[in-house]
Amino acid sequence: MSKTAKALAKELLDGDPGGLKELRIHEFADDESAHDDELTERLYADFSAEFERAQTELSTQYGLPSRTGETDDEIIPLNGVFRFAVWEVGDRQLFAAASHEDRGVPILLMLGTA
């Protein structure tokens, strides 16, 4: 992670609602690697571990998330969410989400506000 989850969250909360910032993106090198089930499972585990670190970091700043899950959530503008956490911060909702819409597209770890 180039910027910490806390630093990105502060930028998002100081900006306009609906912002989205990347914590990490994995782009597959080619079609073969995008269809490698073992690689995809390892990446999901790696992204889940990184999601956990970000969630812990944000929880020290904003308290426990108001909700978490392993599927899509209505406030998160991403498809294929496999981990998420949402915090109520003032009149905003801050979220962290790991997602992978489909084979061949990047795996994302994002922060955003609603």
N, C-alpha and C. Protein backbone atom coordinates (compact mmCIF):
# COMPACT_ATOMS: atom_id res chain seq x y z
N MET A 1 0.85 -1.17 0.00
CA MET A 1 0.00 0.00 0.00
C MET A 1 0.90 1.23 0.00
N SER A 2 0.72 2.09 -0.97
CA SER A 2 1.54 3.29 -1.01
C SER A 2 1.10 4.30 0.05
N LYS A 3 -0.19 4.55 0.17
CA LYS A 3 -0.73 5.40 1.23
C LYS A 3 -1.47 4.50 2.20
N THR A 4 -1.48 4.91 3.45
CA THR A 4 -2.19 4.10 4.45
C THR A 4 -3.70 4.23 4.26
N ALA A 5 -4.41 3.26 4.80
CA ALA A 5 -5.86 3.32 4.75
C ALA A 5 -6.36 4.57 5.46
N LYS A 6 -5.74 4.92 6.60
CA LYS A 6 -6.16 6.11 7.35
C LYS A 6 -5.97 7.37 6.51
N ALA A 7 -4.83 7.48 5.82
CA ALA A 7 -4.56 8.68 5.01
C ALA A 7 -5.56 8.79 3.87
N LEU A 8 -5.84 7.68 3.19
CA LEU A 8 -6.82 7.71 2.10
C LEU A 8 -8.23 8.01 2.63
N ALA A 9 -8.57 7.45 3.79
CA ALA A 9 -9.89 7.71 4.38
C ALA A 9 -10.05 9.19 4.70
N LYS A 10 -9.02 9.80 5.24
CA LYS A 10 -9.08 11.23 5.55
C LYS A 10 -9.30 12.05 4.28
N GLU A 11 -8.56 11.72 3.21
CA GLU A 11 -8.75 12.42 1.92
C GLU A 11 -10.19 12.28 1.44
N LEU A 12 -10.73 11.07 1.53
CA LEU A 12 -12.10 10.83 1.08
C LEU A 12 -13.12 11.58 1.93
N LEU A 13 -12.94 11.55 3.24
CA LEU A 13 -13.90 12.21 4.13
C LEU A 13 -13.81 13.72 4.04
N ASP A 14 -12.64 14.25 3.67
CA ASP A 14 -12.48 15.70 3.49
C ASP A 14 -13.00 16.16 2.13
N GLY A 15 -13.20 15.22 1.20
CA GLY A 15 -13.64 15.55 -0.15
C GLY A 15 -15.15 15.42 -0.33
N ASP A 16 -15.56 15.43 -1.57
CA ASP A 16 -16.99 15.28 -1.89
C ASP A 16 -17.43 13.84 -1.65
N PRO A 17 -18.69 13.65 -1.22
CA PRO A 17 -19.21 12.28 -1.05
C PRO A 17 -19.17 11.53 -2.39
N GLY A 18 -19.04 10.23 -2.30
CA GLY A 18 -19.02 9.42 -3.51
C GLY A 18 -17.64 9.20 -4.06
N GLY A 19 -16.61 9.62 -3.31
CA GLY A 19 -15.24 9.41 -3.76
C GLY A 19 -14.84 7.95 -3.66
N LEU A 20 -13.82 7.59 -4.42
CA LEU A 20 -13.32 6.22 -4.46
C LEU A 20 -11.81 6.28 -4.64
N LYS A 21 -11.07 5.57 -3.81
CA LYS A 21 -9.61 5.54 -3.90
C LYS A 21 -9.13 4.10 -3.80
N GLU A 22 -8.05 3.81 -4.51
CA GLU A 22 -7.52 2.45 -4.50
C GLU A 22 -6.48 2.25 -3.41
N LEU A 23 -6.61 1.15 -2.70
CA LEU A 23 -5.56 0.70 -1.79
C LEU A 23 -4.63 -0.25 -2.54
N ARG A 24 -5.22 -1.11 -3.39
CA ARG A 24 -4.43 -2.06 -4.17
C ARG A 24 -5.24 -2.54 -5.36
N ILE A 25 -4.54 -2.74 -6.46
CA ILE A 25 -5.16 -3.33 -7.66
C ILE A 25 -4.21 -4.39 -8.20
N HIS A 26 -4.77 -5.54 -8.54
CA HIS A 26 -3.98 -6.57 -9.21
C HIS A 26 -4.54 -6.77 -10.61
N GLU A 27 -3.73 -6.44 -11.60
CA GLU A 27 -4.13 -6.69 -12.99
C GLU A 27 -3.44 -7.97 -13.45
N PHE A 28 -4.20 -8.85 -14.05
CA PHE A 28 -3.64 -10.10 -14.54
C PHE A 28 -2.78 -9.84 -15.77
N ALA A 29 -1.65 -10.53 -15.83
CA ALA A 29 -0.69 -10.31 -16.91
C ALA A 29 -1.23 -10.75 -18.27
N ASP A 30 -2.02 -11.82 -18.27
CA ASP A 30 -2.53 -12.36 -19.54
C ASP A 30 -3.77 -13.20 -19.26
N ASP A 31 -4.39 -13.68 -20.32
CA ASP A 31 -5.62 -14.45 -20.20
C ASP A 31 -5.39 -15.75 -19.44
N GLU A 32 -4.22 -16.35 -19.64
CA GLU A 32 -3.92 -17.62 -18.95
C GLU A 32 -3.89 -17.42 -17.43
N SER A 33 -3.21 -16.38 -16.97
CA SER A 33 -3.16 -16.14 -15.52
C SER A 33 -4.53 -15.74 -14.97
N ALA A 34 -5.33 -15.04 -15.78
CA ALA A 34 -6.67 -14.64 -15.35
C ALA A 34 -7.58 -15.85 -15.15
N HIS A 35 -7.27 -16.97 -15.79
CA HIS A 35 -8.10 -18.17 -15.68
C HIS A 35 -7.44 -19.24 -14.82
N ASP A 36 -6.38 -18.89 -14.11
CA ASP A 36 -5.68 -19.82 -13.22
C ASP A 36 -6.39 -19.79 -11.86
N ASP A 37 -7.19 -20.83 -11.59
CA ASP A 37 -7.99 -20.87 -10.36
C ASP A 37 -7.13 -20.83 -9.10
N GLU A 38 -5.99 -21.53 -9.09
CA GLU A 38 -5.13 -21.53 -7.91
C GLU A 38 -4.56 -20.14 -7.65
N LEU A 39 -4.13 -19.46 -8.70
CA LEU A 39 -3.61 -18.10 -8.57
C LEU A 39 -4.71 -17.18 -8.04
N THR A 40 -5.90 -17.29 -8.60
CA THR A 40 -7.01 -16.45 -8.18
C THR A 40 -7.33 -16.67 -6.69
N GLU A 41 -7.34 -17.91 -6.26
CA GLU A 41 -7.62 -18.21 -4.84
C GLU A 41 -6.53 -17.62 -3.94
N ARG A 42 -5.25 -17.72 -4.36
CA ARG A 42 -4.16 -17.13 -3.58
C ARG A 42 -4.31 -15.62 -3.50
N LEU A 43 -4.68 -15.00 -4.62
CA LEU A 43 -4.88 -13.55 -4.64
C LEU A 43 -6.06 -13.14 -3.75
N TYR A 44 -7.14 -13.91 -3.77
CA TYR A 44 -8.28 -13.61 -2.89
C TYR A 44 -7.83 -13.66 -1.43
N ALA A 45 -7.04 -14.68 -1.08
CA ALA A 45 -6.55 -14.80 0.30
C ALA A 45 -5.64 -13.62 0.64
N ASP A 46 -4.79 -13.23 -0.30
CA ASP A 46 -3.88 -12.11 -0.08
C ASP A 46 -4.67 -10.80 0.07
N PHE A 47 -5.64 -10.59 -0.80
CA PHE A 47 -6.48 -9.38 -0.72
C PHE A 47 -7.31 -9.39 0.56
N SER A 48 -7.80 -10.56 0.98
CA SER A 48 -8.56 -10.64 2.23
C SER A 48 -7.68 -10.28 3.43
N ALA A 49 -6.43 -10.72 3.42
CA ALA A 49 -5.50 -10.38 4.50
C ALA A 49 -5.22 -8.88 4.51
N GLU A 50 -5.04 -8.31 3.33
CA GLU A 50 -4.79 -6.87 3.25
C GLU A 50 -6.04 -6.09 3.64
N PHE A 51 -7.21 -6.60 3.28
CA PHE A 51 -8.48 -5.99 3.70
C PHE A 51 -8.56 -5.98 5.23
N GLU A 52 -8.20 -7.12 5.86
CA GLU A 52 -8.23 -7.21 7.33
C GLU A 52 -7.33 -6.16 7.96
N ARG A 53 -6.13 -5.96 7.41
CA ARG A 53 -5.22 -4.95 7.93
C ARG A 53 -5.83 -3.56 7.81
N ALA A 54 -6.43 -3.26 6.66
CA ALA A 54 -7.06 -1.96 6.46
C ALA A 54 -8.25 -1.78 7.41
N GLN A 55 -9.05 -2.82 7.57
CA GLN A 55 -10.21 -2.74 8.47
C GLN A 55 -9.74 -2.48 9.91
N THR A 56 -8.69 -3.15 10.34
CA THR A 56 -8.15 -2.95 11.69
C THR A 56 -7.65 -1.51 11.84
N GLU A 57 -6.92 -1.03 10.84
CA GLU A 57 -6.38 0.33 10.88
C GLU A 57 -7.51 1.36 10.94
N LEU A 58 -8.53 1.18 10.12
CA LEU A 58 -9.65 2.13 10.11
C LEU A 58 -10.49 2.02 11.38
N SER A 59 -10.58 0.83 11.96
CA SER A 59 -11.35 0.66 13.19
C SER A 59 -10.69 1.37 14.37
N THR A 60 -9.36 1.48 14.35
CA THR A 60 -8.69 2.22 15.43
C THR A 60 -9.02 3.71 15.34
N GLN A 61 -9.31 4.19 14.15
CA GLN A 61 -9.63 5.60 13.94
C GLN A 61 -11.13 5.89 14.07
N TYR A 62 -11.97 4.99 13.53
CA TYR A 62 -13.41 5.27 13.41
C TYR A 62 -14.30 4.34 14.23
N GLY A 63 -13.71 3.45 15.02
CA GLY A 63 -14.49 2.50 15.80
C GLY A 63 -14.85 1.28 14.96
N LEU A 64 -15.61 0.40 15.55
CA LEU A 64 -16.01 -0.81 14.83
C LEU A 64 -16.93 -0.46 13.66
N PRO A 65 -16.84 -1.21 12.55
CA PRO A 65 -17.73 -0.95 11.42
C PRO A 65 -19.19 -1.16 11.82
N SER A 66 -20.08 -0.39 11.19
CA SER A 66 -21.51 -0.56 11.45
C SER A 66 -22.02 -1.85 10.81
N ARG A 67 -21.35 -2.29 9.74
CA ARG A 67 -21.68 -3.57 9.13
C ARG A 67 -20.50 -4.07 8.30
N THR A 68 -20.45 -5.39 8.16
CA THR A 68 -19.42 -6.04 7.35
C THR A 68 -20.08 -7.17 6.58
N GLY A 69 -19.41 -7.68 5.58
CA GLY A 69 -19.98 -8.79 4.84
C GLY A 69 -19.07 -9.33 3.77
N GLU A 70 -19.58 -10.34 3.08
CA GLU A 70 -18.82 -11.02 2.03
C GLU A 70 -19.59 -11.06 0.71
N THR A 71 -20.52 -10.10 0.53
CA THR A 71 -21.27 -9.98 -0.72
C THR A 71 -21.41 -8.50 -1.04
N ASP A 72 -22.09 -8.19 -2.11
CA ASP A 72 -22.31 -6.79 -2.48
C ASP A 72 -23.14 -6.07 -1.42
N ASP A 73 -22.91 -4.77 -1.30
CA ASP A 73 -23.68 -3.92 -0.40
C ASP A 73 -24.20 -2.75 -1.22
N GLU A 74 -25.40 -2.30 -0.92
CA GLU A 74 -26.06 -1.29 -1.75
C GLU A 74 -25.29 0.03 -1.87
N ILE A 75 -24.48 0.40 -0.88
CA ILE A 75 -23.79 1.70 -0.99
C ILE A 75 -22.46 1.60 -1.74
N ILE A 76 -21.99 0.38 -2.00
CA ILE A 76 -20.68 0.20 -2.62
C ILE A 76 -20.84 0.08 -4.13
N PRO A 77 -20.26 1.04 -4.88
CA PRO A 77 -20.44 1.06 -6.34
C PRO A 77 -19.46 0.15 -7.09
N LEU A 78 -19.28 -1.07 -6.59
CA LEU A 78 -18.39 -2.04 -7.22
C LEU A 78 -19.16 -3.34 -7.40
N ASN A 79 -18.80 -4.10 -8.42
CA ASN A 79 -19.40 -5.41 -8.65
C ASN A 79 -18.45 -6.50 -8.16
N GLY A 80 -18.99 -7.61 -7.75
CA GLY A 80 -18.19 -8.75 -7.33
C GLY A 80 -17.50 -8.56 -5.99
N VAL A 81 -18.12 -7.80 -5.09
CA VAL A 81 -17.53 -7.58 -3.76
C VAL A 81 -17.47 -8.91 -3.01
N PHE A 82 -16.27 -9.24 -2.46
CA PHE A 82 -16.16 -10.46 -1.66
C PHE A 82 -15.78 -10.18 -0.21
N ARG A 83 -15.49 -8.94 0.13
CA ARG A 83 -15.30 -8.50 1.53
C ARG A 83 -15.63 -7.03 1.59
N PHE A 84 -16.34 -6.60 2.64
CA PHE A 84 -16.57 -5.17 2.82
C PHE A 84 -16.78 -4.85 4.29
N ALA A 85 -16.55 -3.58 4.61
CA ALA A 85 -16.83 -3.03 5.94
C ALA A 85 -17.28 -1.59 5.73
N VAL A 86 -18.27 -1.16 6.52
CA VAL A 86 -18.81 0.20 6.42
C VAL A 86 -18.77 0.84 7.80
N TRP A 87 -18.28 2.09 7.85
CA TRP A 87 -18.26 2.88 9.09
C TRP A 87 -19.14 4.10 8.90
N GLU A 88 -19.87 4.46 9.96
CA GLU A 88 -20.63 5.71 9.97
C GLU A 88 -19.68 6.78 10.52
N VAL A 89 -19.39 7.81 9.72
CA VAL A 89 -18.47 8.87 10.14
C VAL A 89 -19.20 10.20 9.90
N GLY A 90 -19.73 10.77 10.98
CA GLY A 90 -20.53 11.98 10.84
C GLY A 90 -21.75 11.69 9.99
N ASP A 91 -21.95 12.48 8.94
CA ASP A 91 -23.09 12.27 8.05
C ASP A 91 -22.72 11.43 6.82
N ARG A 92 -21.56 10.81 6.86
CA ARG A 92 -21.08 10.01 5.73
C ARG A 92 -20.93 8.54 6.11
N GLN A 93 -20.83 7.73 5.09
CA GLN A 93 -20.48 6.33 5.27
C GLN A 93 -19.15 6.12 4.55
N LEU A 94 -18.20 5.58 5.28
CA LEU A 94 -16.89 5.23 4.74
C LEU A 94 -16.88 3.72 4.55
N PHE A 95 -16.39 3.25 3.41
CA PHE A 95 -16.33 1.80 3.22
C PHE A 95 -14.97 1.36 2.69
N ALA A 96 -14.64 0.13 3.03
CA ALA A 96 -13.51 -0.59 2.45
C ALA A 96 -14.12 -1.80 1.76
N ALA A 97 -13.64 -2.11 0.56
CA ALA A 97 -14.20 -3.25 -0.16
C ALA A 97 -13.15 -3.91 -1.03
N ALA A 98 -13.17 -5.24 -1.02
CA ALA A 98 -12.35 -6.03 -1.93
C ALA A 98 -13.33 -6.62 -2.95
N SER A 99 -12.99 -6.49 -4.24
CA SER A 99 -13.92 -6.98 -5.25
C SER A 99 -13.18 -7.54 -6.46
N HIS A 100 -13.89 -8.41 -7.17
CA HIS A 100 -13.40 -8.99 -8.41
C HIS A 100 -14.63 -9.29 -9.26
N GLU A 101 -14.88 -8.42 -10.22
CA GLU A 101 -16.11 -8.51 -11.01
C GLU A 101 -16.19 -9.78 -11.84
N ASP A 102 -15.09 -10.14 -12.48
CA ASP A 102 -15.11 -11.29 -13.39
C ASP A 102 -13.69 -11.64 -13.78
N ARG A 103 -13.50 -12.83 -14.30
CA ARG A 103 -12.18 -13.24 -14.80
C ARG A 103 -11.69 -12.24 -15.84
N GLY A 104 -10.40 -11.98 -15.81
CA GLY A 104 -9.83 -11.09 -16.81
C GLY A 104 -9.84 -9.62 -16.41
N VAL A 105 -10.60 -9.27 -15.39
CA VAL A 105 -10.60 -7.88 -14.91
C VAL A 105 -9.84 -7.84 -13.59
N PRO A 106 -9.31 -6.68 -13.22
CA PRO A 106 -8.49 -6.60 -12.02
C PRO A 106 -9.25 -6.94 -10.73
N ILE A 107 -8.48 -7.38 -9.74
CA ILE A 107 -8.98 -7.54 -8.38
C ILE A 107 -8.69 -6.21 -7.68
N LEU A 108 -9.67 -5.68 -6.96
CA LEU A 108 -9.56 -4.36 -6.37
C LEU A 108 -9.69 -4.39 -4.86
N LEU A 109 -8.93 -3.51 -4.20
CA LEU A 109 -9.14 -3.20 -2.79
C LEU A 109 -9.30 -1.70 -2.73
N MET A 110 -10.53 -1.25 -2.43
CA MET A 110 -10.86 0.17 -2.55
C MET A 110 -11.43 0.71 -1.25
N LEU A 111 -11.28 2.03 -1.10
CA LEU A 111 -11.96 2.78 -0.05
C LEU A 111 -12.87 3.78 -0.74
N GLY A 112 -13.98 4.11 -0.11
CA GLY A 112 -14.88 5.08 -0.70
C GLY A 112 -15.81 5.67 0.34
N THR A 113 -16.56 6.69 -0.08
CA THR A 113 -17.55 7.31 0.78
C THR A 113 -18.90 7.39 0.08
N ALA A 114 -19.93 7.41 0.90
CA ALA A 114 -21.29 7.56 0.38
C ALA A 114 -22.02 8.56 1.26
